[in-house]
């Protein structure tokens, strides 16, 4: 076991964007600040947002019984 290696978790603060960047930055600014390829980021965003929306609606359904909106807009 090499003691000089430190195990990094995905939640290391250096890897996480600051809140102001998440909350208010355009895709261009976000990608530039986070050093991300914009095409890859937009492809990820296109695929991930519907899953996140469904997940939050599913949580709400569990708590309230409110129907899930399967139509993506």
N, C-alpha and C. Protein backbone atom coordinates (compact mmCIF):
# COMPACT_ATOMS: atom_id res chain seq x y z
N UNK A 1 0.84 -1.19 0.00
CA UNK A 1 0.00 0.00 0.00
C UNK A 1 0.87 1.25 0.00
N UNK A 2 0.64 2.13 -0.91
CA UNK A 2 1.45 3.34 -1.02
C UNK A 2 0.81 4.46 -0.19
N UNK A 3 1.47 4.87 0.87
CA UNK A 3 0.93 5.87 1.79
C UNK A 3 0.93 7.27 1.17
N UNK A 4 1.72 7.49 0.14
CA UNK A 4 1.77 8.83 -0.45
C UNK A 4 0.55 9.12 -1.32
N UNK A 5 -0.17 8.09 -1.74
CA UNK A 5 -1.38 8.29 -2.53
C UNK A 5 -2.55 8.59 -1.61
N UNK A 6 -3.30 9.61 -1.95
CA UNK A 6 -4.49 9.92 -1.16
C UNK A 6 -5.71 9.63 -2.01
N UNK A 7 -6.67 9.03 -1.39
CA UNK A 7 -7.90 8.70 -2.09
C UNK A 7 -8.77 9.95 -2.17
N UNK A 8 -9.18 10.31 -3.39
CA UNK A 8 -10.03 11.48 -3.57
C UNK A 8 -11.45 11.02 -3.83
N UNK A 9 -12.38 11.71 -3.21
CA UNK A 9 -13.78 11.40 -3.45
C UNK A 9 -14.34 12.33 -4.51
N UNK A 10 -15.44 11.93 -5.16
CA UNK A 10 -16.03 12.78 -6.19
C UNK A 10 -16.53 14.11 -5.64
N UNK A 11 -16.69 14.20 -4.34
CA UNK A 11 -17.21 15.43 -3.76
C UNK A 11 -16.11 16.38 -3.28
N UNK A 12 -14.87 16.16 -3.71
CA UNK A 12 -13.80 17.09 -3.34
C UNK A 12 -14.19 18.49 -3.77
N UNK A 13 -13.99 19.46 -2.91
CA UNK A 13 -14.40 20.83 -3.18
C UNK A 13 -13.75 21.40 -4.44
N UNK A 14 -12.55 20.98 -4.76
CA UNK A 14 -11.85 21.51 -5.94
C UNK A 14 -12.55 21.09 -7.23
N UNK A 15 -13.30 19.99 -7.20
CA UNK A 15 -13.97 19.48 -8.39
C UNK A 15 -15.37 20.07 -8.57
N UNK A 16 -15.90 20.68 -7.55
CA UNK A 16 -17.27 21.17 -7.60
C UNK A 16 -17.32 22.63 -8.03
N UNK A 17 -18.26 22.97 -8.90
CA UNK A 17 -18.38 24.37 -9.31
C UNK A 17 -18.98 25.21 -8.18
N UNK A 18 -18.60 26.48 -8.11
CA UNK A 18 -19.19 27.35 -7.09
C UNK A 18 -20.68 27.58 -7.39
N UNK A 19 -21.45 27.86 -6.36
CA UNK A 19 -22.89 28.02 -6.50
C UNK A 19 -23.27 29.09 -7.51
N UNK A 20 -22.56 30.23 -7.51
CA UNK A 20 -22.92 31.30 -8.45
C UNK A 20 -22.78 30.85 -9.91
N UNK A 21 -21.86 29.94 -10.16
CA UNK A 21 -21.66 29.42 -11.51
C UNK A 21 -22.81 28.48 -11.88
N UNK A 22 -23.22 27.65 -10.94
CA UNK A 22 -24.33 26.74 -11.19
C UNK A 22 -25.64 27.49 -11.37
N UNK A 23 -25.84 28.51 -10.57
CA UNK A 23 -27.13 29.20 -10.53
C UNK A 23 -27.31 30.22 -11.65
N UNK A 24 -26.24 30.86 -12.09
CA UNK A 24 -26.47 31.97 -12.98
C UNK A 24 -25.66 32.03 -14.26
N UNK A 25 -24.77 31.09 -14.47
CA UNK A 25 -23.90 31.18 -15.64
C UNK A 25 -24.57 30.60 -16.87
N UNK A 26 -24.27 31.19 -18.01
CA UNK A 26 -24.71 30.61 -19.28
C UNK A 26 -23.92 29.32 -19.52
N UNK A 27 -24.38 28.53 -20.48
CA UNK A 27 -23.65 27.30 -20.81
C UNK A 27 -22.23 27.61 -21.26
N UNK A 28 -22.07 28.69 -22.03
CA UNK A 28 -20.73 29.09 -22.49
C UNK A 28 -19.80 29.37 -21.32
N UNK A 29 -20.27 30.20 -20.40
CA UNK A 29 -19.46 30.58 -19.24
C UNK A 29 -19.19 29.37 -18.36
N UNK A 30 -20.22 28.57 -18.10
CA UNK A 30 -20.06 27.39 -17.26
C UNK A 30 -18.99 26.46 -17.83
N UNK A 31 -19.09 26.17 -19.13
CA UNK A 31 -18.12 25.26 -19.76
C UNK A 31 -16.71 25.84 -19.73
N UNK A 32 -16.60 27.12 -20.00
CA UNK A 32 -15.28 27.76 -19.98
C UNK A 32 -14.67 27.71 -18.58
N UNK A 33 -15.45 28.05 -17.56
CA UNK A 33 -14.94 28.07 -16.19
C UNK A 33 -14.60 26.67 -15.68
N UNK A 34 -15.40 25.68 -16.09
CA UNK A 34 -15.17 24.31 -15.62
C UNK A 34 -14.26 23.51 -16.55
N UNK A 35 -13.80 24.18 -17.64
CA UNK A 35 -12.91 23.53 -18.62
C UNK A 35 -13.56 22.29 -19.21
N UNK A 36 -14.82 22.45 -19.65
CA UNK A 36 -15.57 21.36 -20.26
C UNK A 36 -15.76 21.63 -21.74
N UNK A 37 -15.83 20.57 -22.51
CA UNK A 37 -16.15 20.69 -23.92
C UNK A 37 -17.65 20.99 -24.02
N UNK A 38 -17.99 22.10 -24.68
CA UNK A 38 -19.38 22.53 -24.72
C UNK A 38 -20.29 21.51 -25.41
N UNK A 39 -19.83 20.91 -26.51
CA UNK A 39 -20.65 19.91 -27.21
C UNK A 39 -20.96 18.72 -26.30
N UNK A 40 -19.96 18.24 -25.58
CA UNK A 40 -20.16 17.12 -24.68
C UNK A 40 -21.08 17.50 -23.53
N UNK A 41 -20.89 18.71 -23.00
CA UNK A 41 -21.73 19.18 -21.90
C UNK A 41 -23.20 19.29 -22.34
N UNK A 42 -23.44 19.86 -23.52
CA UNK A 42 -24.81 20.01 -24.00
C UNK A 42 -25.45 18.65 -24.27
N UNK A 43 -24.68 17.69 -24.76
CA UNK A 43 -25.20 16.33 -24.97
C UNK A 43 -25.57 15.70 -23.63
N UNK A 44 -24.71 15.86 -22.62
CA UNK A 44 -25.00 15.35 -21.28
C UNK A 44 -26.24 16.02 -20.70
N UNK A 45 -26.31 17.33 -20.84
CA UNK A 45 -27.44 18.09 -20.31
C UNK A 45 -28.75 17.63 -20.96
N UNK A 46 -28.73 17.44 -22.26
CA UNK A 46 -29.91 16.99 -23.01
C UNK A 46 -30.39 15.63 -22.50
N UNK A 47 -29.45 14.77 -22.16
CA UNK A 47 -29.79 13.42 -21.71
C UNK A 47 -30.16 13.41 -20.22
N UNK A 48 -29.52 14.23 -19.41
CA UNK A 48 -29.69 14.16 -17.97
C UNK A 48 -30.91 14.91 -17.44
N UNK A 49 -31.26 16.02 -18.04
CA UNK A 49 -32.35 16.84 -17.52
C UNK A 49 -33.67 16.08 -17.42
N UNK A 50 -34.07 15.32 -18.46
CA UNK A 50 -35.33 14.57 -18.30
C UNK A 50 -35.30 13.57 -17.14
N UNK A 51 -34.16 12.93 -16.92
CA UNK A 51 -34.05 12.00 -15.79
C UNK A 51 -34.19 12.73 -14.47
N UNK A 52 -33.58 13.91 -14.36
CA UNK A 52 -33.68 14.68 -13.13
C UNK A 52 -35.10 15.15 -12.89
N UNK A 53 -35.76 15.58 -13.96
CA UNK A 53 -37.15 16.03 -13.85
C UNK A 53 -38.03 14.87 -13.39
N UNK A 54 -37.87 13.69 -14.00
CA UNK A 54 -38.66 12.53 -13.61
C UNK A 54 -38.39 12.17 -12.16
N UNK A 55 -37.13 12.19 -11.77
CA UNK A 55 -36.76 11.84 -10.40
C UNK A 55 -37.44 12.75 -9.38
N UNK A 56 -37.43 14.06 -9.65
CA UNK A 56 -38.07 14.98 -8.71
C UNK A 56 -39.58 14.79 -8.70
N UNK A 57 -40.17 14.52 -9.88
CA UNK A 57 -41.60 14.27 -9.93
C UNK A 57 -41.96 12.96 -9.24
N UNK A 58 -41.09 11.96 -9.37
CA UNK A 58 -41.33 10.68 -8.69
C UNK A 58 -41.30 10.87 -7.18
N UNK A 59 -40.33 11.64 -6.68
CA UNK A 59 -40.27 11.93 -5.25
C UNK A 59 -41.54 12.63 -4.78
N UNK A 60 -42.01 13.60 -5.58
CA UNK A 60 -43.24 14.33 -5.24
C UNK A 60 -44.43 13.37 -5.25
N UNK A 61 -44.49 12.45 -6.22
CA UNK A 61 -45.58 11.48 -6.29
C UNK A 61 -45.60 10.60 -5.05
N UNK A 62 -44.42 10.16 -4.62
CA UNK A 62 -44.36 9.33 -3.41
C UNK A 62 -44.91 10.06 -2.20
N UNK A 63 -44.61 11.36 -2.10
CA UNK A 63 -45.03 12.14 -0.93
C UNK A 63 -46.48 12.60 -1.02
N UNK A 64 -46.95 12.95 -2.23
CA UNK A 64 -48.24 13.61 -2.35
C UNK A 64 -49.26 12.86 -3.20
N UNK A 65 -48.80 11.93 -4.03
CA UNK A 65 -49.71 11.24 -4.95
C UNK A 65 -49.98 12.04 -6.22
N UNK A 66 -49.31 13.18 -6.37
CA UNK A 66 -49.50 14.01 -7.57
C UNK A 66 -48.97 13.27 -8.79
N UNK A 67 -49.72 13.26 -9.92
CA UNK A 67 -49.29 12.54 -11.11
C UNK A 67 -47.94 13.01 -11.67
N UNK A 68 -47.27 12.09 -12.34
CA UNK A 68 -46.00 12.41 -13.00
C UNK A 68 -46.29 12.86 -14.41
N UNK A 69 -45.69 13.99 -14.80
CA UNK A 69 -45.85 14.54 -16.14
C UNK A 69 -44.80 13.91 -17.03
N UNK A 70 -45.22 12.98 -17.91
CA UNK A 70 -44.27 12.30 -18.77
C UNK A 70 -43.97 13.05 -20.04
N UNK A 71 -44.66 14.14 -20.29
CA UNK A 71 -44.42 14.95 -21.49
C UNK A 71 -43.24 15.87 -21.19
N UNK A 72 -42.17 15.75 -22.01
CA UNK A 72 -41.02 16.64 -21.79
C UNK A 72 -41.20 17.86 -22.66
N UNK A 73 -40.80 19.01 -22.09
CA UNK A 73 -41.00 20.24 -22.83
C UNK A 73 -39.82 20.95 -23.15
